[in-house]
Amino acid sequence: MRFVLDASITISWAMRDEDHPIADLAMSELGRGGSALVPGIWWYEVRNLLVVGERRHRISEPDSLQFLRELAHLPVQVDHQIESASVMELARKFSLTVYDAAYLALALRERAPLASLDKALQSAASAAGVATLA
């Protein structure tokens, strides 16, 4: 299965103090030959969340670097297509951040389910007719 992967799922894989069934399901899908799509912002979000985790002593710098090496081997495709109009429209319609709207826009365009732990994004996906990984 191909799905849109957001940063909340990705970072939960890195943090030892987090355990989420949806994140486990997403990793399981990737392990069974599935693949994930992410908007370009994902690359920055994941790294920012790792640095913030380091500052909060939730993860060490060496563990962050190891996680990024492991992440590079997963079947995750970064989509760099800019969808300014649809992202802005979705952000306004569902009161999302532009960053979260980028994930929703990608899921809509690709007709792919969305994997997210963000409740507002899950709710917006449901309202927009996008399936979520669950």
N, C-alpha and C. Protein backbone atom coordinates (compact mmCIF):
# COMPACT_ATOMS: atom_id res chain seq x y z
N MET A 1 0.84 -1.17 0.00
CA MET A 1 0.00 0.00 0.00
C MET A 1 0.89 1.25 0.00
N ARG A 2 0.45 2.22 -0.74
CA ARG A 2 1.14 3.52 -0.78
C ARG A 2 0.30 4.50 0.04
N PHE A 3 0.95 5.25 0.92
CA PHE A 3 0.24 6.19 1.78
C PHE A 3 1.08 7.45 1.99
N VAL A 4 0.41 8.51 2.44
CA VAL A 4 1.10 9.75 2.78
C VAL A 4 1.48 9.67 4.25
N LEU A 5 2.73 9.89 4.52
CA LEU A 5 3.32 9.78 5.85
C LEU A 5 3.61 11.17 6.39
N ASP A 6 3.13 11.48 7.59
CA ASP A 6 3.45 12.80 8.14
C ASP A 6 4.55 12.70 9.19
N ALA A 7 5.03 13.84 9.61
CA ALA A 7 6.17 13.90 10.53
C ALA A 7 5.82 13.36 11.91
N SER A 8 4.56 13.45 12.32
CA SER A 8 4.20 12.95 13.66
C SER A 8 4.41 11.44 13.76
N ILE A 9 4.09 10.75 12.69
CA ILE A 9 4.32 9.30 12.65
C ILE A 9 5.82 9.03 12.62
N THR A 10 6.50 9.72 11.74
CA THR A 10 7.94 9.50 11.56
C THR A 10 8.70 9.71 12.85
N ILE A 11 8.41 10.80 13.54
CA ILE A 11 9.18 11.10 14.75
C ILE A 11 8.85 10.14 15.88
N SER A 12 7.65 9.59 15.87
CA SER A 12 7.32 8.63 16.92
C SER A 12 8.19 7.37 16.81
N TRP A 13 8.64 7.06 15.60
CA TRP A 13 9.56 5.93 15.42
C TRP A 13 10.90 6.19 16.10
N ALA A 14 11.30 7.45 16.17
CA ALA A 14 12.60 7.80 16.71
C ALA A 14 12.61 7.91 18.23
N MET A 15 11.47 8.25 18.82
CA MET A 15 11.41 8.51 20.25
C MET A 15 11.07 7.25 21.03
N ARG A 16 11.94 6.85 21.90
CA ARG A 16 11.74 5.61 22.65
C ARG A 16 10.56 5.69 23.61
N ASP A 17 10.19 6.91 24.01
CA ASP A 17 9.10 7.06 24.97
C ASP A 17 7.74 7.17 24.29
N GLU A 18 7.68 6.95 22.99
CA GLU A 18 6.42 7.00 22.26
C GLU A 18 6.12 5.63 21.67
N ASP A 19 4.87 5.25 21.76
CA ASP A 19 4.42 3.99 21.18
C ASP A 19 2.99 4.21 20.72
N HIS A 20 2.79 4.15 19.41
CA HIS A 20 1.46 4.39 18.84
C HIS A 20 1.11 3.29 17.86
N PRO A 21 -0.08 2.71 18.00
CA PRO A 21 -0.49 1.65 17.07
C PRO A 21 -0.51 2.11 15.62
N ILE A 22 -0.89 3.36 15.36
CA ILE A 22 -0.92 3.84 13.97
C ILE A 22 0.49 3.93 13.42
N ALA A 23 1.43 4.39 14.25
CA ALA A 23 2.83 4.45 13.81
C ALA A 23 3.37 3.05 13.55
N ASP A 24 2.99 2.12 14.41
CA ASP A 24 3.41 0.72 14.21
C ASP A 24 2.83 0.16 12.92
N LEU A 25 1.58 0.49 12.64
CA LEU A 25 0.93 0.02 11.42
C LEU A 25 1.63 0.60 10.18
N ALA A 26 1.98 1.88 10.24
CA ALA A 26 2.68 2.51 9.11
C ALA A 26 4.02 1.83 8.86
N MET A 27 4.78 1.57 9.92
CA MET A 27 6.07 0.89 9.76
C MET A 27 5.86 -0.52 9.22
N SER A 28 4.83 -1.18 9.69
CA SER A 28 4.52 -2.53 9.22
C SER A 28 4.20 -2.52 7.72
N GLU A 29 3.43 -1.53 7.28
CA GLU A 29 3.11 -1.39 5.85
C GLU A 29 4.39 -1.23 5.03
N LEU A 30 5.30 -0.41 5.51
CA LEU A 30 6.57 -0.21 4.78
C LEU A 30 7.37 -1.51 4.74
N GLY A 31 7.32 -2.27 5.82
CA GLY A 31 8.04 -3.54 5.88
C GLY A 31 7.44 -4.61 4.99
N ARG A 32 6.16 -4.46 4.62
CA ARG A 32 5.48 -5.44 3.77
C ARG A 32 5.51 -5.05 2.30
N GLY A 33 6.38 -4.13 1.94
CA GLY A 33 6.48 -3.74 0.54
C GLY A 33 5.71 -2.49 0.18
N GLY A 34 5.10 -1.84 1.17
CA GLY A 34 4.42 -0.58 0.89
C GLY A 34 5.41 0.56 0.72
N SER A 35 4.88 1.72 0.40
CA SER A 35 5.74 2.89 0.26
C SER A 35 4.99 4.12 0.77
N ALA A 36 5.76 5.14 1.08
CA ALA A 36 5.18 6.36 1.60
C ALA A 36 5.56 7.55 0.73
N LEU A 37 4.63 8.48 0.66
CA LEU A 37 4.86 9.76 0.00
C LEU A 37 4.87 10.84 1.07
N VAL A 38 5.73 11.83 0.90
CA VAL A 38 5.78 12.95 1.83
C VAL A 38 5.98 14.24 1.05
N PRO A 39 5.40 15.35 1.53
CA PRO A 39 5.69 16.63 0.89
C PRO A 39 7.10 17.07 1.30
N GLY A 40 7.65 18.00 0.56
CA GLY A 40 9.02 18.47 0.81
C GLY A 40 9.24 18.97 2.23
N ILE A 41 8.24 19.53 2.87
CA ILE A 41 8.38 20.06 4.23
C ILE A 41 8.72 18.98 5.24
N TRP A 42 8.36 17.74 4.94
CA TRP A 42 8.61 16.62 5.85
C TRP A 42 10.08 16.51 6.22
N TRP A 43 10.97 16.68 5.24
CA TRP A 43 12.41 16.57 5.48
C TRP A 43 12.83 17.51 6.60
N TYR A 44 12.36 18.74 6.54
CA TYR A 44 12.71 19.75 7.54
C TYR A 44 12.02 19.48 8.88
N GLU A 45 10.76 19.11 8.82
CA GLU A 45 10.02 18.85 10.06
C GLU A 45 10.65 17.73 10.87
N VAL A 46 11.03 16.64 10.24
CA VAL A 46 11.63 15.52 10.95
C VAL A 46 12.93 15.95 11.61
N ARG A 47 13.76 16.66 10.92
CA ARG A 47 15.02 17.10 11.49
C ARG A 47 14.82 18.11 12.62
N ASN A 48 13.85 18.99 12.44
CA ASN A 48 13.56 19.95 13.50
C ASN A 48 13.07 19.23 14.76
N LEU A 49 12.18 18.26 14.58
CA LEU A 49 11.66 17.52 15.73
C LEU A 49 12.76 16.72 16.43
N LEU A 50 13.71 16.21 15.67
CA LEU A 50 14.85 15.52 16.29
C LEU A 50 15.69 16.48 17.11
N VAL A 51 15.99 17.64 16.58
CA VAL A 51 16.80 18.63 17.32
C VAL A 51 16.06 19.08 18.58
N VAL A 52 14.77 19.31 18.47
CA VAL A 52 13.98 19.69 19.64
C VAL A 52 14.00 18.54 20.66
N GLY A 53 13.88 17.31 20.19
CA GLY A 53 13.97 16.16 21.07
C GLY A 53 15.31 16.07 21.78
N GLU A 54 16.37 16.41 21.07
CA GLU A 54 17.70 16.42 21.68
C GLU A 54 17.76 17.48 22.79
N ARG A 55 17.24 18.65 22.52
CA ARG A 55 17.25 19.74 23.52
C ARG A 55 16.46 19.36 24.76
N ARG A 56 15.41 18.58 24.56
CA ARG A 56 14.57 18.16 25.69
C ARG A 56 15.05 16.84 26.31
N HIS A 57 16.18 16.35 25.84
CA HIS A 57 16.80 15.12 26.33
C HIS A 57 15.91 13.90 26.14
N ARG A 58 15.13 13.91 25.05
CA ARG A 58 14.31 12.75 24.71
C ARG A 58 15.06 11.80 23.79
N ILE A 59 16.08 12.33 23.12
CA ILE A 59 16.88 11.53 22.19
C ILE A 59 18.28 12.15 22.16
N SER A 60 19.28 11.32 21.99
CA SER A 60 20.65 11.82 21.93
C SER A 60 21.01 12.17 20.49
N GLU A 61 22.02 12.98 20.33
CA GLU A 61 22.48 13.33 18.99
C GLU A 61 22.90 12.09 18.20
N PRO A 62 23.69 11.18 18.80
CA PRO A 62 24.03 9.96 18.03
C PRO A 62 22.80 9.14 17.63
N ASP A 63 21.80 9.09 18.52
CA ASP A 63 20.58 8.35 18.17
C ASP A 63 19.81 9.04 17.06
N SER A 64 19.80 10.38 17.06
CA SER A 64 19.17 11.12 15.96
C SER A 64 19.84 10.80 14.64
N LEU A 65 21.15 10.83 14.64
CA LEU A 65 21.90 10.55 13.41
C LEU A 65 21.66 9.12 12.94
N GLN A 66 21.63 8.17 13.87
CA GLN A 66 21.36 6.77 13.51
C GLN A 66 19.95 6.64 12.94
N PHE A 67 18.98 7.32 13.55
CA PHE A 67 17.61 7.27 13.06
C PHE A 67 17.54 7.79 11.63
N LEU A 68 18.22 8.90 11.34
CA LEU A 68 18.21 9.45 9.99
C LEU A 68 18.84 8.50 8.98
N ARG A 69 19.88 7.78 9.40
CA ARG A 69 20.49 6.78 8.50
C ARG A 69 19.49 5.66 8.21
N GLU A 70 18.79 5.20 9.24
CA GLU A 70 17.80 4.14 9.06
C GLU A 70 16.61 4.63 8.21
N LEU A 71 16.19 5.86 8.46
CA LEU A 71 15.08 6.44 7.72
C LEU A 71 15.39 6.53 6.22
N ALA A 72 16.65 6.79 5.90
CA ALA A 72 17.06 6.91 4.50
C ALA A 72 16.88 5.60 3.73
N HIS A 73 16.79 4.49 4.44
CA HIS A 73 16.64 3.19 3.79
C HIS A 73 15.18 2.75 3.64
N LEU A 74 14.27 3.55 4.17
CA LEU A 74 12.85 3.21 4.04
C LEU A 74 12.31 3.71 2.70
N PRO A 75 11.29 3.06 2.17
CA PRO A 75 10.73 3.47 0.88
C PRO A 75 9.83 4.71 1.02
N VAL A 76 10.48 5.84 1.24
CA VAL A 76 9.79 7.12 1.40
C VAL A 76 10.20 8.02 0.23
N GLN A 77 9.23 8.47 -0.51
CA GLN A 77 9.47 9.34 -1.67
C GLN A 77 9.04 10.76 -1.33
N VAL A 78 9.97 11.70 -1.49
CA VAL A 78 9.66 13.11 -1.24
C VAL A 78 9.08 13.71 -2.51
N ASP A 79 7.89 14.28 -2.38
CA ASP A 79 7.22 14.94 -3.50
C ASP A 79 7.49 16.44 -3.40
N HIS A 80 8.08 17.00 -4.43
CA HIS A 80 8.46 18.42 -4.39
C HIS A 80 7.50 19.31 -5.18
N GLN A 81 6.39 18.75 -5.62
CA GLN A 81 5.43 19.56 -6.36
C GLN A 81 4.80 20.60 -5.43
N ILE A 82 4.80 21.84 -5.84
CA ILE A 82 4.22 22.93 -5.06
C ILE A 82 2.74 23.05 -5.42
N GLU A 83 1.89 23.05 -4.40
CA GLU A 83 0.45 23.16 -4.62
C GLU A 83 -0.08 24.34 -3.81
N SER A 84 0.39 25.51 -4.12
CA SER A 84 0.07 26.68 -3.32
C SER A 84 -1.42 26.92 -3.14
N ALA A 85 -2.17 26.92 -4.23
CA ALA A 85 -3.60 27.23 -4.14
C ALA A 85 -4.35 26.20 -3.29
N SER A 86 -4.12 24.91 -3.55
CA SER A 86 -4.86 23.89 -2.80
C SER A 86 -4.42 23.85 -1.34
N VAL A 87 -3.14 24.05 -1.08
CA VAL A 87 -2.66 24.05 0.30
C VAL A 87 -3.28 25.20 1.08
N MET A 88 -3.30 26.37 0.49
CA MET A 88 -3.89 27.54 1.16
C MET A 88 -5.38 27.32 1.39
N GLU A 89 -6.06 26.79 0.38
CA GLU A 89 -7.50 26.53 0.50
C GLU A 89 -7.79 25.54 1.63
N LEU A 90 -7.03 24.44 1.68
CA LEU A 90 -7.23 23.44 2.71
C LEU A 90 -6.90 23.97 4.10
N ALA A 91 -5.85 24.76 4.21
CA ALA A 91 -5.48 25.35 5.50
C ALA A 91 -6.61 26.24 6.02
N ARG A 92 -7.17 27.03 5.13
CA ARG A 92 -8.27 27.92 5.53
C ARG A 92 -9.54 27.13 5.86
N LYS A 93 -9.89 26.20 4.99
CA LYS A 93 -11.14 25.45 5.14
C LYS A 93 -11.17 24.63 6.43
N PHE A 94 -10.03 24.02 6.78
CA PHE A 94 -10.00 23.11 7.92
C PHE A 94 -9.22 23.65 9.12
N SER A 95 -8.85 24.94 9.07
CA SER A 95 -8.09 25.57 10.16
C SER A 95 -6.81 24.79 10.48
N LEU A 96 -6.10 24.40 9.43
CA LEU A 96 -4.84 23.68 9.57
C LEU A 96 -3.67 24.64 9.41
N THR A 97 -2.50 24.22 9.89
CA THR A 97 -1.29 24.95 9.50
C THR A 97 -1.05 24.67 8.02
N VAL A 98 -0.32 25.51 7.38
CA VAL A 98 0.03 25.28 5.98
C VAL A 98 0.83 23.99 5.86
N TYR A 99 1.67 23.73 6.87
CA TYR A 99 2.47 22.51 6.85
C TYR A 99 1.57 21.27 6.83
N ASP A 100 0.57 21.24 7.71
CA ASP A 100 -0.33 20.09 7.74
C ASP A 100 -1.18 20.01 6.48
N ALA A 101 -1.59 21.16 5.97
CA ALA A 101 -2.38 21.18 4.74
C ALA A 101 -1.59 20.59 3.57
N ALA A 102 -0.26 20.70 3.60
CA ALA A 102 0.56 20.12 2.53
C ALA A 102 0.42 18.59 2.50
N TYR A 103 0.33 17.96 3.67
CA TYR A 103 0.12 16.51 3.73
C TYR A 103 -1.26 16.14 3.19
N LEU A 104 -2.25 16.91 3.58
CA LEU A 104 -3.61 16.64 3.12
C LEU A 104 -3.73 16.84 1.62
N ALA A 105 -3.13 17.90 1.10
CA ALA A 105 -3.17 18.16 -0.35
C ALA A 105 -2.52 17.01 -1.12
N LEU A 106 -1.42 16.51 -0.62
CA LEU A 106 -0.73 15.40 -1.27
C LEU A 106 -1.60 14.14 -1.25
N ALA A 107 -2.23 13.86 -0.12
CA ALA A 107 -3.10 12.69 -0.02
C ALA A 107 -4.29 12.81 -0.98
N LEU A 108 -4.85 14.00 -1.09
CA LEU A 108 -5.96 14.21 -2.02
C LEU A 108 -5.50 14.03 -3.46
N ARG A 109 -4.39 14.65 -3.82
CA ARG A 109 -3.90 14.57 -5.19
C ARG A 109 -3.56 13.14 -5.60
N GLU A 110 -2.94 12.40 -4.69
CA GLU A 110 -2.50 11.04 -4.99
C GLU A 110 -3.55 9.98 -4.67
N ARG A 111 -4.68 10.41 -4.11
CA ARG A 111 -5.74 9.48 -3.70
C ARG A 111 -5.16 8.38 -2.82
N ALA A 112 -4.37 8.82 -1.84
CA ALA A 112 -3.68 7.89 -0.94
C ALA A 112 -4.14 8.14 0.49
N PRO A 113 -4.19 7.08 1.29
CA PRO A 113 -4.52 7.28 2.69
C PRO A 113 -3.43 8.08 3.40
N LEU A 114 -3.79 8.68 4.51
CA LEU A 114 -2.89 9.52 5.29
C LEU A 114 -2.56 8.84 6.61
N ALA A 115 -1.29 8.82 6.96
CA ALA A 115 -0.85 8.30 8.25
C ALA A 115 -0.39 9.48 9.09
N SER A 116 -1.14 9.77 10.15
CA SER A 116 -0.84 10.91 11.01
C SER A 116 -1.32 10.63 12.42
N LEU A 117 -0.64 11.22 13.41
CA LEU A 117 -1.08 11.17 14.79
C LEU A 117 -1.73 12.49 15.20
N ASP A 118 -1.72 13.45 14.29
CA ASP A 118 -2.28 14.78 14.55
C ASP A 118 -3.80 14.73 14.44
N LYS A 119 -4.48 14.98 15.55
CA LYS A 119 -5.94 14.87 15.58
C LYS A 119 -6.62 15.84 14.62
N ALA A 120 -6.14 17.08 14.54
CA ALA A 120 -6.75 18.07 13.63
C ALA A 120 -6.58 17.63 12.18
N LEU A 121 -5.41 17.10 11.85
CA LEU A 121 -5.16 16.64 10.48
C LEU A 121 -6.00 15.39 10.18
N GLN A 122 -6.13 14.49 11.14
CA GLN A 122 -6.99 13.31 10.95
C GLN A 122 -8.44 13.73 10.70
N SER A 123 -8.90 14.69 11.48
CA SER A 123 -10.27 15.18 11.33
C SER A 123 -10.47 15.85 9.98
N ALA A 124 -9.51 16.66 9.55
CA ALA A 124 -9.60 17.32 8.26
C ALA A 124 -9.59 16.30 7.13
N ALA A 125 -8.76 15.28 7.26
CA ALA A 125 -8.71 14.21 6.25
C ALA A 125 -10.07 13.53 6.13
N SER A 126 -10.65 13.21 7.25
CA SER A 126 -11.96 12.56 7.25
C SER A 126 -13.01 13.45 6.57
N ALA A 127 -13.00 14.74 6.92
CA ALA A 127 -13.97 15.68 6.33
C ALA A 127 -13.74 15.84 4.84
N ALA A 128 -12.50 15.70 4.38
CA ALA A 128 -12.17 15.86 2.98
C ALA A 128 -12.33 14.56 2.19
N GLY A 129 -12.70 13.48 2.88
CA GLY A 129 -12.88 12.20 2.20
C GLY A 129 -11.61 11.42 1.98
N VAL A 130 -10.58 11.73 2.75
CA VAL A 130 -9.30 11.01 2.66
C VAL A 130 -9.27 9.94 3.73
N ALA A 131 -8.98 8.72 3.34
CA ALA A 131 -8.84 7.62 4.30
C ALA A 131 -7.62 7.86 5.17
N THR A 132 -7.68 7.37 6.38
CA THR A 132 -6.51 7.45 7.26
C THR A 132 -6.08 6.04 7.63
N LEU A 133 -4.81 5.90 7.88
CA LEU A 133 -4.26 4.62 8.31
C LEU A 133 -4.73 4.39 9.74
N ALA A 134 -5.39 3.30 9.98
CA ALA A 134 -5.87 3.02 11.33
C ALA A 134 -6.12 1.54 11.50
